[in-house]
């Protein structure tokens, strides 16, 4: 885990993880019977 990879991780943190949280909230609530 270098400082270059840390910057890539920040980019993923700003683009992938918000989208992943929304996807998990939608699909998780369906699959596990919450909604």
ModelCIF file with pLDDT and N, C-alpha, C, O atoms, coordinates in Angstrom:
data_MODEL
#
_entry.id   MODEL 
#
_entity.id                         1 
_entity.type                       polymer 
_entity.pdbx_number_of_molecules   1 
#
_entity_poly.entity_id                      1 
_entity_poly.type                           'polypeptide(L)' 
_entity_poly.nstd_linkage                   no 
_entity_poly.nstd_monomer                   no 
_entity_poly.pdbx_seq_one_letter_code       
;(UNK)(UNK)(UNK)(UNK)(UNK)(UNK)(UNK)(UNK)(UNK)(UNK)(UNK)(UNK)(UNK)(UNK)(UNK)(UNK)
(UNK)(UNK)(UNK)(UNK)(UNK)(UNK)(UNK)(UNK)(UNK)(UNK)(UNK)(UNK)(UNK)(UNK)(UNK)(UNK)
(UNK)(UNK)(UNK)
;
_entity_poly.pdbx_seq_one_letter_code_can   XXXXXXXXXXXXXXXXXXXXXXXXXXXXXXXXXXX 
_entity_poly.pdbx_strand_id                 A 
#
loop_
_entity_poly_seq.entity_id 
_entity_poly_seq.num 
_entity_poly_seq.mon_id 
_entity_poly_seq.hetero 
1 1  UNK n 
1 2  UNK n 
1 3  UNK n 
1 4  UNK n 
1 5  UNK n 
1 6  UNK n 
1 7  UNK n 
1 8  UNK n 
1 9  UNK n 
1 10 UNK n 
1 11 UNK n 
1 12 UNK n 
1 13 UNK n 
1 14 UNK n 
1 15 UNK n 
1 16 UNK n 
1 17 UNK n 
1 18 UNK n 
1 19 UNK n 
1 20 UNK n 
1 21 UNK n 
1 22 UNK n 
1 23 UNK n 
1 24 UNK n 
1 25 UNK n 
1 26 UNK n 
1 27 UNK n 
1 28 UNK n 
1 29 UNK n 
1 30 UNK n 
1 31 UNK n 
1 32 UNK n 
1 33 UNK n 
1 34 UNK n 
1 35 UNK n 
#
_struct_asym.id          A 
_struct_asym.entity_id   1 
#
loop_
_ma_qa_metric.id 
_ma_qa_metric.mode 
_ma_qa_metric.name 
_ma_qa_metric.software_group_id 
_ma_qa_metric.type 
1 global pLDDT . pLDDT 
2 local  pLDDT . pLDDT 
#
_ma_qa_metric_global.metric_id      1 
_ma_qa_metric_global.metric_value   82.09 
_ma_qa_metric_global.model_id       1 
_ma_qa_metric_global.ordinal_id     1 
#
loop_
_ma_qa_metric_local.label_asym_id 
_ma_qa_metric_local.label_comp_id 
_ma_qa_metric_local.label_seq_id 
_ma_qa_metric_local.metric_id 
_ma_qa_metric_local.metric_value 
_ma_qa_metric_local.model_id 
_ma_qa_metric_local.ordinal_id 
A UNK 1  2 88.00 1 1  
A UNK 2  2 88.00 1 2  
A UNK 3  2 87.00 1 3  
A UNK 4  2 86.00 1 4  
A UNK 5  2 86.00 1 5  
A UNK 6  2 88.00 1 6  
A UNK 7  2 88.00 1 7  
A UNK 8  2 86.00 1 8  
A UNK 9  2 88.00 1 9  
A UNK 10 2 87.00 1 10 
A UNK 11 2 84.00 1 11 
A UNK 12 2 83.00 1 12 
A UNK 13 2 84.00 1 13 
A UNK 14 2 80.00 1 14 
A UNK 15 2 78.00 1 15 
A UNK 16 2 79.00 1 16 
A UNK 17 2 81.00 1 17 
A UNK 18 2 81.00 1 18 
A UNK 19 2 80.00 1 19 
A UNK 20 2 80.00 1 20 
A UNK 21 2 81.00 1 21 
A UNK 22 2 82.00 1 22 
A UNK 23 2 81.00 1 23 
A UNK 24 2 80.00 1 24 
A UNK 25 2 81.00 1 25 
A UNK 26 2 83.00 1 26 
A UNK 27 2 80.00 1 27 
A UNK 28 2 79.00 1 28 
A UNK 29 2 81.00 1 29 
A UNK 30 2 79.00 1 30 
A UNK 31 2 75.00 1 31 
A UNK 32 2 75.00 1 32 
A UNK 33 2 74.00 1 33 
A UNK 34 2 80.00 1 34 
A UNK 35 2 80.00 1 35 
#
loop_
_atom_site.group_PDB 
_atom_site.id 
_atom_site.type_symbol 
_atom_site.label_atom_id 
_atom_site.label_alt_id 
_atom_site.label_comp_id 
_atom_site.label_asym_id 
_atom_site.label_entity_id 
_atom_site.label_seq_id 
_atom_site.pdbx_PDB_ins_code 
_atom_site.Cartn_x 
_atom_site.Cartn_y 
_atom_site.Cartn_z 
_atom_site.occupancy 
_atom_site.B_iso_or_equiv 
_atom_site.pdbx_formal_charge 
_atom_site.auth_seq_id 
_atom_site.auth_comp_id 
_atom_site.auth_asym_id 
_atom_site.auth_atom_id 
_atom_site.pdbx_PDB_model_num 
ATOM 1   N N  . UNK A 1 1  ? 0.854   -1.194  0.000  1.00 88.00 ? 1  UNK A N  1 
ATOM 2   C CA . UNK A 1 1  ? 0.000   0.000   0.000  1.00 88.00 ? 1  UNK A CA 1 
ATOM 3   C C  . UNK A 1 1  ? 0.888   1.242   0.000  1.00 88.00 ? 1  UNK A C  1 
ATOM 4   O O  . UNK A 1 1  ? 1.343   1.700   1.048  1.00 88.00 ? 1  UNK A O  1 
ATOM 5   N N  . UNK A 1 2  ? 1.123   1.774   -1.197 1.00 88.00 ? 2  UNK A N  1 
ATOM 6   C CA . UNK A 1 2  ? 1.974   2.944   -1.342 1.00 88.00 ? 2  UNK A CA 1 
ATOM 7   C C  . UNK A 1 2  ? 1.117   4.213   -1.386 1.00 88.00 ? 2  UNK A C  1 
ATOM 8   O O  . UNK A 1 2  ? -0.112  4.153   -1.411 1.00 88.00 ? 2  UNK A O  1 
ATOM 9   N N  . UNK A 1 3  ? 1.800   5.358   -1.396 1.00 87.00 ? 3  UNK A N  1 
ATOM 10  C CA . UNK A 1 3  ? 1.069   6.624   -1.453 1.00 87.00 ? 3  UNK A CA 1 
ATOM 11  C C  . UNK A 1 3  ? 0.361   6.808   -2.794 1.00 87.00 ? 3  UNK A C  1 
ATOM 12  O O  . UNK A 1 3  ? -0.670  7.477   -2.864 1.00 87.00 ? 3  UNK A O  1 
ATOM 13  N N  . UNK A 1 4  ? 0.911   6.217   -3.859 1.00 86.00 ? 4  UNK A N  1 
ATOM 14  C CA . UNK A 1 4  ? 0.224   6.274   -5.151 1.00 86.00 ? 4  UNK A CA 1 
ATOM 15  C C  . UNK A 1 4  ? -1.080  5.484   -5.075 1.00 86.00 ? 4  UNK A C  1 
ATOM 16  O O  . UNK A 1 4  ? -2.122  5.942   -5.544 1.00 86.00 ? 4  UNK A O  1 
ATOM 17  N N  . UNK A 1 5  ? -1.010  4.290   -4.479 1.00 86.00 ? 5  UNK A N  1 
ATOM 18  C CA . UNK A 1 5  ? -2.227  3.486   -4.327 1.00 86.00 ? 5  UNK A CA 1 
ATOM 19  C C  . UNK A 1 5  ? -3.204  4.153   -3.360 1.00 86.00 ? 5  UNK A C  1 
ATOM 20  O O  . UNK A 1 5  ? -4.415  3.966   -3.477 1.00 86.00 ? 5  UNK A O  1 
ATOM 21  N N  . UNK A 1 6  ? -2.695  4.918   -2.421 1.00 88.00 ? 6  UNK A N  1 
ATOM 22  C CA . UNK A 1 6  ? -3.586  5.656   -1.521 1.00 88.00 ? 6  UNK A CA 1 
ATOM 23  C C  . UNK A 1 6  ? -4.427  6.665   -2.299 1.00 88.00 ? 6  UNK A C  1 
ATOM 24  O O  . UNK A 1 6  ? -5.606  6.847   -1.997 1.00 88.00 ? 6  UNK A O  1 
ATOM 25  N N  . UNK A 1 7  ? -3.833  7.320   -3.295 1.00 88.00 ? 7  UNK A N  1 
ATOM 26  C CA . UNK A 1 7  ? -4.594  8.265   -4.111 1.00 88.00 ? 7  UNK A CA 1 
ATOM 27  C C  . UNK A 1 7  ? -5.643  7.546   -4.961 1.00 88.00 ? 7  UNK A C  1 
ATOM 28  O O  . UNK A 1 7  ? -6.749  8.049   -5.158 1.00 88.00 ? 7  UNK A O  1 
ATOM 29  N N  . UNK A 1 8  ? -5.277  6.353   -5.467 1.00 86.00 ? 8  UNK A N  1 
ATOM 30  C CA . UNK A 1 8  ? -6.265  5.564   -6.212 1.00 86.00 ? 8  UNK A CA 1 
ATOM 31  C C  . UNK A 1 8  ? -7.407  5.150   -5.289 1.00 86.00 ? 8  UNK A C  1 
ATOM 32  O O  . UNK A 1 8  ? -8.575  5.164   -5.678 1.00 86.00 ? 8  UNK A O  1 
ATOM 33  N N  . UNK A 1 9  ? -7.049  4.780   -4.054 1.00 88.00 ? 9  UNK A N  1 
ATOM 34  C CA . UNK A 1 9  ? -8.081  4.400   -3.081 1.00 88.00 ? 9  UNK A CA 1 
ATOM 35  C C  . UNK A 1 9  ? -9.007  5.577   -2.784 1.00 88.00 ? 9  UNK A C  1 
ATOM 36  O O  . UNK A 1 9  ? -10.212 5.391   -2.617 1.00 88.00 ? 9  UNK A O  1 
ATOM 37  N N  . UNK A 1 10 ? -8.453  6.779   -2.719 1.00 87.00 ? 10 UNK A N  1 
ATOM 38  C CA . UNK A 1 10 ? -9.295  7.964   -2.499 1.00 87.00 ? 10 UNK A CA 1 
ATOM 39  C C  . UNK A 1 10 ? -10.251 8.172   -3.668 1.00 87.00 ? 10 UNK A C  1 
ATOM 40  O O  . UNK A 1 10 ? -11.407 8.546   -3.472 1.00 87.00 ? 10 UNK A O  1 
ATOM 41  N N  . UNK A 1 11 ? -9.764  7.928   -4.884 1.00 84.00 ? 11 UNK A N  1 
ATOM 42  C CA . UNK A 1 11 ? -10.644 8.060   -6.047 1.00 84.00 ? 11 UNK A CA 1 
ATOM 43  C C  . UNK A 1 11 ? -11.777 7.047   -6.000 1.00 84.00 ? 11 UNK A C  1 
ATOM 44  O O  . UNK A 1 11 ? -12.925 7.365   -6.309 1.00 84.00 ? 11 UNK A O  1 
ATOM 45  N N  . UNK A 1 12 ? -11.437 5.809   -5.604 1.00 83.00 ? 12 UNK A N  1 
ATOM 46  C CA . UNK A 1 12 ? -12.487 4.798   -5.445 1.00 83.00 ? 12 UNK A CA 1 
ATOM 47  C C  . UNK A 1 12 ? -13.436 5.176   -4.316 1.00 83.00 ? 12 UNK A C  1 
ATOM 48  O O  . UNK A 1 12 ? -14.641 4.939   -4.402 1.00 83.00 ? 12 UNK A O  1 
ATOM 49  N N  . UNK A 1 13 ? -12.889 5.759   -3.265 1.00 84.00 ? 13 UNK A N  1 
ATOM 50  C CA . UNK A 1 13 ? -13.713 6.160   -2.124 1.00 84.00 ? 13 UNK A CA 1 
ATOM 51  C C  . UNK A 1 13 ? -14.724 7.227   -2.519 1.00 84.00 ? 13 UNK A C  1 
ATOM 52  O O  . UNK A 1 13 ? -15.825 7.283   -1.971 1.00 84.00 ? 13 UNK A O  1 
ATOM 53  N N  . UNK A 1 14 ? -14.351 8.061   -3.461 1.00 80.00 ? 14 UNK A N  1 
ATOM 54  C CA . UNK A 1 14 ? -15.257 9.129   -3.875 1.00 80.00 ? 14 UNK A CA 1 
ATOM 55  C C  . UNK A 1 14 ? -16.203 8.750   -4.985 1.00 80.00 ? 14 UNK A C  1 
ATOM 56  O O  . UNK A 1 14 ? -17.178 9.463   -5.223 1.00 80.00 ? 14 UNK A O  1 
ATOM 57  N N  . UNK A 1 15 ? -15.948 7.627   -5.691 1.00 78.00 ? 15 UNK A N  1 
ATOM 58  C CA . UNK A 1 15 ? -16.801 7.257   -6.823 1.00 78.00 ? 15 UNK A CA 1 
ATOM 59  C C  . UNK A 1 15 ? -17.492 5.914   -6.624 1.00 78.00 ? 15 UNK A C  1 
ATOM 60  O O  . UNK A 1 15 ? -18.690 5.788   -6.881 1.00 78.00 ? 15 UNK A O  1 
ATOM 61  N N  . UNK A 1 16 ? -16.752 4.919   -6.172 1.00 79.00 ? 16 UNK A N  1 
ATOM 62  C CA . UNK A 1 16 ? -17.313 3.578   -6.073 1.00 79.00 ? 16 UNK A CA 1 
ATOM 63  C C  . UNK A 1 16 ? -18.126 3.377   -4.800 1.00 79.00 ? 16 UNK A C  1 
ATOM 64  O O  . UNK A 1 16 ? -19.234 2.843   -4.859 1.00 79.00 ? 16 UNK A O  1 
ATOM 65  N N  . UNK A 1 17 ? -17.605 3.792   -3.661 1.00 81.00 ? 17 UNK A N  1 
ATOM 66  C CA . UNK A 1 17 ? -18.247 3.453   -2.396 1.00 81.00 ? 17 UNK A CA 1 
ATOM 67  C C  . UNK A 1 17 ? -19.603 4.135   -2.196 1.00 81.00 ? 17 UNK A C  1 
ATOM 68  O O  . UNK A 1 17 ? -20.504 3.488   -1.662 1.00 81.00 ? 17 UNK A O  1 
ATOM 69  N N  . UNK A 1 18 ? -19.808 5.386   -2.586 1.00 81.00 ? 18 UNK A N  1 
ATOM 70  C CA . UNK A 1 18 ? -21.186 5.928   -2.494 1.00 81.00 ? 18 UNK A CA 1 
ATOM 71  C C  . UNK A 1 18 ? -22.175 5.138   -3.338 1.00 81.00 ? 18 UNK A C  1 
ATOM 72  O O  . UNK A 1 18 ? -23.302 4.872   -2.921 1.00 81.00 ? 18 UNK A O  1 
ATOM 73  N N  . UNK A 1 19 ? -21.725 4.767   -4.545 1.00 80.00 ? 19 UNK A N  1 
ATOM 74  C CA . UNK A 1 19 ? -22.601 3.978   -5.413 1.00 80.00 ? 19 UNK A CA 1 
ATOM 75  C C  . UNK A 1 19 ? -22.840 2.596   -4.817 1.00 80.00 ? 19 UNK A C  1 
ATOM 76  O O  . UNK A 1 19 ? -23.952 2.073   -4.874 1.00 80.00 ? 19 UNK A O  1 
ATOM 77  N N  . UNK A 1 20 ? -21.784 2.005   -4.241 1.00 80.00 ? 20 UNK A N  1 
ATOM 78  C CA . UNK A 1 20 ? -21.924 0.676   -3.640 1.00 80.00 ? 20 UNK A CA 1 
ATOM 79  C C  . UNK A 1 20 ? -22.883 0.702   -2.457 1.00 80.00 ? 20 UNK A C  1 
ATOM 80  O O  . UNK A 1 20 ? -23.667 -0.228  -2.275 1.00 80.00 ? 20 UNK A O  1 
ATOM 81  N N  . UNK A 1 21 ? -22.827 1.759   -1.654 1.00 81.00 ? 21 UNK A N  1 
ATOM 82  C CA . UNK A 1 21 ? -23.739 1.864   -0.510 1.00 81.00 ? 21 UNK A CA 1 
ATOM 83  C C  . UNK A 1 21 ? -25.185 1.953   -0.978 1.00 81.00 ? 21 UNK A C  1 
ATOM 84  O O  . UNK A 1 21 ? -26.071 1.333   -0.391 1.00 81.00 ? 21 UNK A O  1 
ATOM 85  N N  . UNK A 1 22 ? -25.423 2.726   -2.041 1.00 82.00 ? 22 UNK A N  1 
ATOM 86  C CA . UNK A 1 22 ? -26.791 2.827   -2.557 1.00 82.00 ? 22 UNK A CA 1 
ATOM 87  C C  . UNK A 1 22 ? -27.257 1.484   -3.113 1.00 82.00 ? 22 UNK A C  1 
ATOM 88  O O  . UNK A 1 22 ? -28.402 1.087   -2.898 1.00 82.00 ? 22 UNK A O  1 
ATOM 89  N N  . UNK A 1 23 ? -26.368 0.779   -3.833 1.00 81.00 ? 23 UNK A N  1 
ATOM 90  C CA . UNK A 1 23 ? -26.728 -0.525  -4.388 1.00 81.00 ? 23 UNK A CA 1 
ATOM 91  C C  . UNK A 1 23 ? -27.034 -1.515  -3.276 1.00 81.00 ? 23 UNK A C  1 
ATOM 92  O O  . UNK A 1 23 ? -28.016 -2.254  -3.349 1.00 81.00 ? 23 UNK A O  1 
ATOM 93  N N  . UNK A 1 24 ? -26.183 -1.530  -2.233 1.00 80.00 ? 24 UNK A N  1 
ATOM 94  C CA . UNK A 1 24 ? -26.408 -2.442  -1.113 1.00 80.00 ? 24 UNK A CA 1 
ATOM 95  C C  . UNK A 1 24 ? -27.715 -2.113  -0.398 1.00 80.00 ? 24 UNK A C  1 
ATOM 96  O O  . UNK A 1 24 ? -28.442 -3.014  0.021  1.00 80.00 ? 24 UNK A O  1 
ATOM 97  N N  . UNK A 1 25 ? -28.012 -0.819  -0.261 1.00 81.00 ? 25 UNK A N  1 
ATOM 98  C CA . UNK A 1 25 ? -29.252 -0.430  0.411  1.00 81.00 ? 25 UNK A CA 1 
ATOM 99  C C  . UNK A 1 25 ? -30.470 -0.903  -0.381 1.00 81.00 ? 25 UNK A C  1 
ATOM 100 O O  . UNK A 1 25 ? -31.454 -1.359  0.201  1.00 81.00 ? 25 UNK A O  1 
ATOM 101 N N  . UNK A 1 26 ? -30.401 -0.792  -1.710 1.00 83.00 ? 26 UNK A N  1 
ATOM 102 C CA . UNK A 1 26 ? -31.545 -1.180  -2.548 1.00 83.00 ? 26 UNK A CA 1 
ATOM 103 C C  . UNK A 1 26 ? -31.677 -2.699  -2.618 1.00 83.00 ? 26 UNK A C  1 
ATOM 104 O O  . UNK A 1 26 ? -32.721 -3.255  -2.278 1.00 83.00 ? 26 UNK A O  1 
ATOM 105 N N  . UNK A 1 27 ? -30.612 -3.366  -3.061 1.00 80.00 ? 27 UNK A N  1 
ATOM 106 C CA . UNK A 1 27 ? -30.691 -4.818  -3.232 1.00 80.00 ? 27 UNK A CA 1 
ATOM 107 C C  . UNK A 1 27 ? -30.773 -5.541  -1.897 1.00 80.00 ? 27 UNK A C  1 
ATOM 108 O O  . UNK A 1 27 ? -31.486 -6.537  -1.774 1.00 80.00 ? 27 UNK A O  1 
ATOM 109 N N  . UNK A 1 28 ? -30.044 -5.044  -0.887 1.00 79.00 ? 28 UNK A N  1 
ATOM 110 C CA . UNK A 1 28 ? -30.100 -5.695  0.419  1.00 79.00 ? 28 UNK A CA 1 
ATOM 111 C C  . UNK A 1 28 ? -31.481 -5.644  1.034  1.00 79.00 ? 28 UNK A C  1 
ATOM 112 O O  . UNK A 1 28 ? -31.950 -6.624  1.612  1.00 79.00 ? 28 UNK A O  1 
ATOM 113 N N  . UNK A 1 29 ? -32.139 -4.489  0.909  1.00 81.00 ? 29 UNK A N  1 
ATOM 114 C CA . UNK A 1 29 ? -33.489 -4.380  1.469  1.00 81.00 ? 29 UNK A CA 1 
ATOM 115 C C  . UNK A 1 29 ? -34.474 -5.282  0.749  1.00 81.00 ? 29 UNK A C  1 
ATOM 116 O O  . UNK A 1 29 ? -35.450 -5.730  1.351  1.00 81.00 ? 29 UNK A O  1 
ATOM 117 N N  . UNK A 1 30 ? -34.235 -5.563  -0.557 1.00 79.00 ? 30 UNK A N  1 
ATOM 118 C CA . UNK A 1 30 ? -35.119 -6.462  -1.304 1.00 79.00 ? 30 UNK A CA 1 
ATOM 119 C C  . UNK A 1 30 ? -34.838 -7.911  -0.944 1.00 79.00 ? 30 UNK A C  1 
ATOM 120 O O  . UNK A 1 30 ? -35.747 -8.658  -0.582 1.00 79.00 ? 30 UNK A O  1 
ATOM 121 N N  . UNK A 1 31 ? -33.559 -8.307  -1.047 1.00 75.00 ? 31 UNK A N  1 
ATOM 122 C CA . UNK A 1 31 ? -33.193 -9.710  -0.884 1.00 75.00 ? 31 UNK A CA 1 
ATOM 123 C C  . UNK A 1 31 ? -33.454 -10.205 0.528  1.00 75.00 ? 31 UNK A C  1 
ATOM 124 O O  . UNK A 1 31 ? -33.901 -11.337 0.712  1.00 75.00 ? 31 UNK A O  1 
ATOM 125 N N  . UNK A 1 32 ? -33.180 -9.371  1.531  1.00 75.00 ? 32 UNK A N  1 
ATOM 126 C CA . UNK A 1 32 ? -33.344 -9.805  2.910  1.00 75.00 ? 32 UNK A CA 1 
ATOM 127 C C  . UNK A 1 32 ? -34.740 -9.516  3.465  1.00 75.00 ? 32 UNK A C  1 
ATOM 128 O O  . UNK A 1 32 ? -34.988 -9.707  4.656  1.00 75.00 ? 32 UNK A O  1 
ATOM 129 N N  . UNK A 1 33 ? -35.646 -9.058  2.608  1.00 74.00 ? 33 UNK A N  1 
ATOM 130 C CA . UNK A 1 33 ? -37.036 -8.936  3.005  1.00 74.00 ? 33 UNK A CA 1 
ATOM 131 C C  . UNK A 1 33 ? -37.373 -7.707  3.821  1.00 74.00 ? 33 UNK A C  1 
ATOM 132 O O  . UNK A 1 33 ? -38.442 -7.655  4.430  1.00 74.00 ? 33 UNK A O  1 
ATOM 133 N N  . UNK A 1 34 ? -36.493 -6.712  3.853  1.00 80.00 ? 34 UNK A N  1 
ATOM 134 C CA . UNK A 1 34 ? -36.797 -5.497  4.596  1.00 80.00 ? 34 UNK A CA 1 
ATOM 135 C C  . UNK A 1 34 ? -37.774 -4.595  3.850  1.00 80.00 ? 34 UNK A C  1 
ATOM 136 O O  . UNK A 1 34 ? -38.464 -3.784  4.467  1.00 80.00 ? 34 UNK A O  1 
ATOM 137 N N  . UNK A 1 35 ? -37.835 -4.731  2.538  1.00 80.00 ? 35 UNK A N  1 
ATOM 138 C CA . UNK A 1 35 ? -38.708 -3.871  1.736  1.00 80.00 ? 35 UNK A CA 1 
ATOM 139 C C  . UNK A 1 35 ? -39.118 -4.627  0.483  1.00 80.00 ? 35 UNK A C  1 
ATOM 140 O O  . UNK A 1 35 ? -39.858 -4.095  -0.345 1.00 80.00 ? 35 UNK A O  1 
#
